[in-house]
Amino acid sequence: MNITFLKNVTTRYELKKAYKELARQLHPDFGGTTENMIQLNNEFEYLFTRLETTKQENASNEIASDYMEKIQDLLHVPGIEIELIGNWLWITGDTKPVKDTLKAAGFKYSGKKVAWYWYPGKYRKRSKRKLSLEEIRSLYGSQAIDKDEKEQIA
């Protein structure tokens, strides 16, 4: 697509700001032409979807690399079980001897579930429900990472 009006825009915020300024100038009610306004609208739609897709792809790639990094940090640790439940990494097994390693990797301990967990980003609990680890597994699905898979990842 030939971009004539909305050049040098890198974020959705910049795109919206530039669009508003140009729409005031190019709108037919304010002395602009209909063709220019149509062109501006088409450019806005094209760039908006393109910037949105790029942002989502970058975010998902960063999150996937975060998970892989956490798993790589724990590959050498004996006696633990790594499990992906929903979007959370859970560590169970004999974790007491390696608690400092888990803390250093950014994991937090859940005393009620007797397991360590990690989630990328911030989490805010919205429910007062108290779920066991088994209930969480059944709700969100679970994928255990065993020794063979650990070797394939490495």
Protein backbone atom coordinates (compact mmCIF):
# COMPACT_ATOMS: atom_id res chain seq x y z
CA MET A 1 0.00 0.00 0.00
CA ASN A 2 1.23 3.48 -0.85
CA ILE A 3 1.43 5.51 2.35
CA THR A 4 1.20 9.25 1.67
CA PHE A 5 -0.28 10.79 4.81
CA LEU A 6 0.71 8.66 7.80
CA LYS A 7 4.46 8.27 7.33
CA ASN A 8 7.01 7.57 10.09
CA VAL A 9 4.47 6.17 12.53
CA THR A 10 5.78 3.34 14.73
CA THR A 11 3.18 2.91 17.50
CA ARG A 12 -0.58 2.84 17.63
CA TYR A 13 -0.52 5.92 19.88
CA GLU A 14 1.45 7.91 17.27
CA LEU A 15 -0.87 6.60 14.56
CA LYS A 16 -4.02 7.78 16.35
CA LYS A 17 -2.51 11.17 17.11
CA ALA A 18 -1.38 11.74 13.51
CA TYR A 19 -4.75 10.54 12.19
CA LYS A 20 -6.69 13.02 14.34
CA GLU A 21 -4.52 15.93 13.24
CA LEU A 22 -4.75 15.03 9.56
CA ALA A 23 -8.49 14.29 9.74
CA ARG A 24 -9.10 17.86 10.89
CA GLN A 25 -7.19 19.18 7.87
CA LEU A 26 -8.41 16.76 5.21
CA HIS A 27 -12.06 16.37 6.14
CA PRO A 28 -14.44 17.74 3.47
CA ASP A 29 -16.26 19.84 6.05
CA PHE A 30 -13.03 21.73 6.74
CA GLY A 31 -11.92 22.31 3.14
CA GLY A 32 -10.35 18.95 2.29
CA THR A 33 -11.35 16.56 -0.46
CA THR A 34 -13.30 13.34 -0.17
CA GLU A 35 -10.56 11.42 -2.02
CA ASN A 36 -7.90 12.53 0.48
CA MET A 37 -10.12 11.57 3.42
CA ILE A 38 -10.78 8.13 1.94
CA GLN A 39 -7.05 7.67 1.38
CA LEU A 40 -6.34 8.71 4.99
CA ASN A 41 -8.95 6.28 6.35
CA ASN A 42 -7.54 3.41 4.27
CA GLU A 43 -4.01 4.15 5.46
CA PHE A 44 -5.18 4.31 9.06
CA GLU A 45 -6.98 0.95 8.85
CA TYR A 46 -4.02 -0.70 7.13
CA LEU A 47 -1.42 0.61 9.59
CA PHE A 48 -3.62 0.02 12.64
CA THR A 49 -4.05 -3.69 11.88
CA ARG A 50 -0.39 -4.02 10.93
CA LEU A 51 0.87 -2.36 14.13
CA GLU A 52 -1.58 -4.40 16.23
CA THR A 53 -0.44 -7.70 14.67
CA THR A 54 3.22 -6.83 15.07
CA LYS A 55 2.69 -5.92 18.73
CA GLN A 56 0.87 -9.20 19.43
CA GLU A 57 3.52 -11.27 17.63
CA ASN A 58 6.32 -9.57 19.56
CA ALA A 59 4.53 -10.05 22.87
CA SER A 60 3.87 -13.75 22.26
CA ASN A 61 7.48 -14.30 21.17
CA GLU A 62 8.74 -12.57 24.32
CA ILE A 63 6.46 -14.65 26.54
CA ALA A 64 7.46 -17.90 24.84
CA SER A 65 11.14 -17.03 25.26
CA ASP A 66 10.49 -16.23 28.95
CA TYR A 67 9.01 -19.70 29.48
CA MET A 68 11.90 -21.35 27.66
CA GLU A 69 14.39 -19.35 29.71
CA LYS A 70 12.78 -20.44 32.98
CA ILE A 71 12.70 -24.08 31.88
CA GLN A 72 16.34 -23.91 30.76
CA ASP A 73 17.31 -22.53 34.19
CA LEU A 74 15.77 -25.59 35.85
CA LEU A 75 16.87 -28.37 33.51
CA HIS A 76 19.90 -29.27 35.61
CA VAL A 77 18.00 -29.34 38.93
CA PRO A 78 17.48 -32.94 40.13
CA GLY A 79 14.39 -34.21 41.92
CA ILE A 80 11.87 -31.65 40.66
CA GLU A 81 8.92 -31.92 38.32
CA ILE A 82 8.23 -29.04 35.91
CA GLU A 83 4.64 -28.63 34.77
CA LEU A 84 2.90 -26.08 32.59
CA ILE A 85 -0.64 -25.58 33.88
CA GLY A 86 -2.51 -23.05 31.77
CA ASN A 87 -0.06 -20.15 31.50
CA TRP A 88 1.73 -20.90 34.75
CA LEU A 89 4.87 -22.93 35.39
CA TRP A 90 4.56 -25.07 38.52
CA ILE A 91 7.44 -26.89 40.21
CA THR A 92 6.79 -29.83 42.53
CA GLY A 93 8.85 -32.68 43.92
CA ASP A 94 11.83 -32.41 46.25
CA THR A 95 12.16 -28.61 46.12
CA LYS A 96 13.44 -27.86 49.61
CA PRO A 97 17.15 -28.41 48.76
CA VAL A 98 16.85 -26.12 45.70
CA LYS A 99 14.63 -23.38 47.09
CA ASP A 100 17.37 -20.75 46.67
CA THR A 101 17.73 -21.69 43.00
CA LEU A 102 13.98 -21.38 42.50
CA LYS A 103 13.87 -18.01 44.26
CA ALA A 104 16.75 -16.77 42.11
CA ALA A 105 14.85 -17.87 39.00
CA GLY A 106 11.85 -15.76 40.05
CA PHE A 107 9.57 -18.51 41.33
CA LYS A 108 7.28 -18.00 44.33
CA TYR A 109 6.19 -20.61 46.84
CA SER A 110 2.60 -21.57 47.51
CA GLY A 111 2.39 -23.21 50.93
CA LYS A 112 -1.17 -24.41 50.47
CA LYS A 113 -0.33 -26.17 47.22
CA VAL A 114 3.17 -27.17 48.39
CA ALA A 115 4.57 -26.07 45.02
CA TRP A 116 6.53 -23.26 43.41
CA TYR A 117 4.99 -21.20 40.62
CA TRP A 118 5.94 -18.61 38.01
CA TYR A 119 3.78 -16.46 35.75
CA PRO A 120 5.03 -13.86 33.25
CA GLY A 121 3.69 -10.45 34.10
CA LYS A 122 1.46 -9.29 36.90
CA TYR A 123 -1.40 -11.31 38.29
CA ARG A 124 -4.40 -10.08 40.19
CA LYS A 125 -6.72 -12.61 41.76
CA ARG A 126 -10.33 -11.84 40.95
CA SER A 127 -12.05 -14.67 42.75
CA LYS A 128 -12.17 -15.76 46.36
CA ARG A 129 -12.20 -19.41 45.31
CA LYS A 130 -9.38 -21.47 46.74
CA LEU A 131 -8.40 -24.20 44.29
CA SER A 132 -6.10 -27.13 44.82
CA LEU A 133 -3.41 -27.90 42.27
CA GLU A 134 -5.51 -30.81 40.98
CA GLU A 135 -8.51 -28.51 40.44
CA ILE A 136 -6.31 -26.02 38.60
CA ARG A 137 -4.98 -28.83 36.40
CA SER A 138 -8.51 -29.95 35.51
CA LEU A 139 -9.66 -26.39 34.76
CA TYR A 140 -6.74 -25.18 32.62
CA GLY A 141 -5.03 -28.32 31.37
CA SER A 142 -1.60 -29.55 32.26
CA GLN A 143 1.57 -30.49 30.43
CA ALA A 144 4.34 -32.13 32.43
CA ILE A 145 7.87 -31.76 31.15
CA ASP A 146 9.72 -35.03 31.69
CA LYS A 147 13.42 -35.88 31.31
CA ASP A 148 13.13 -36.79 27.61
CA GLU A 149 11.43 -33.50 26.77
CA LYS A 150 14.02 -31.60 28.83
CA GLU A 151 16.77 -33.10 26.70
CA GLN A 152 14.90 -32.19 23.49
CA ILE A 153 14.49 -28.58 24.64
CA ALA A 154 18.18 -28.24 25.53
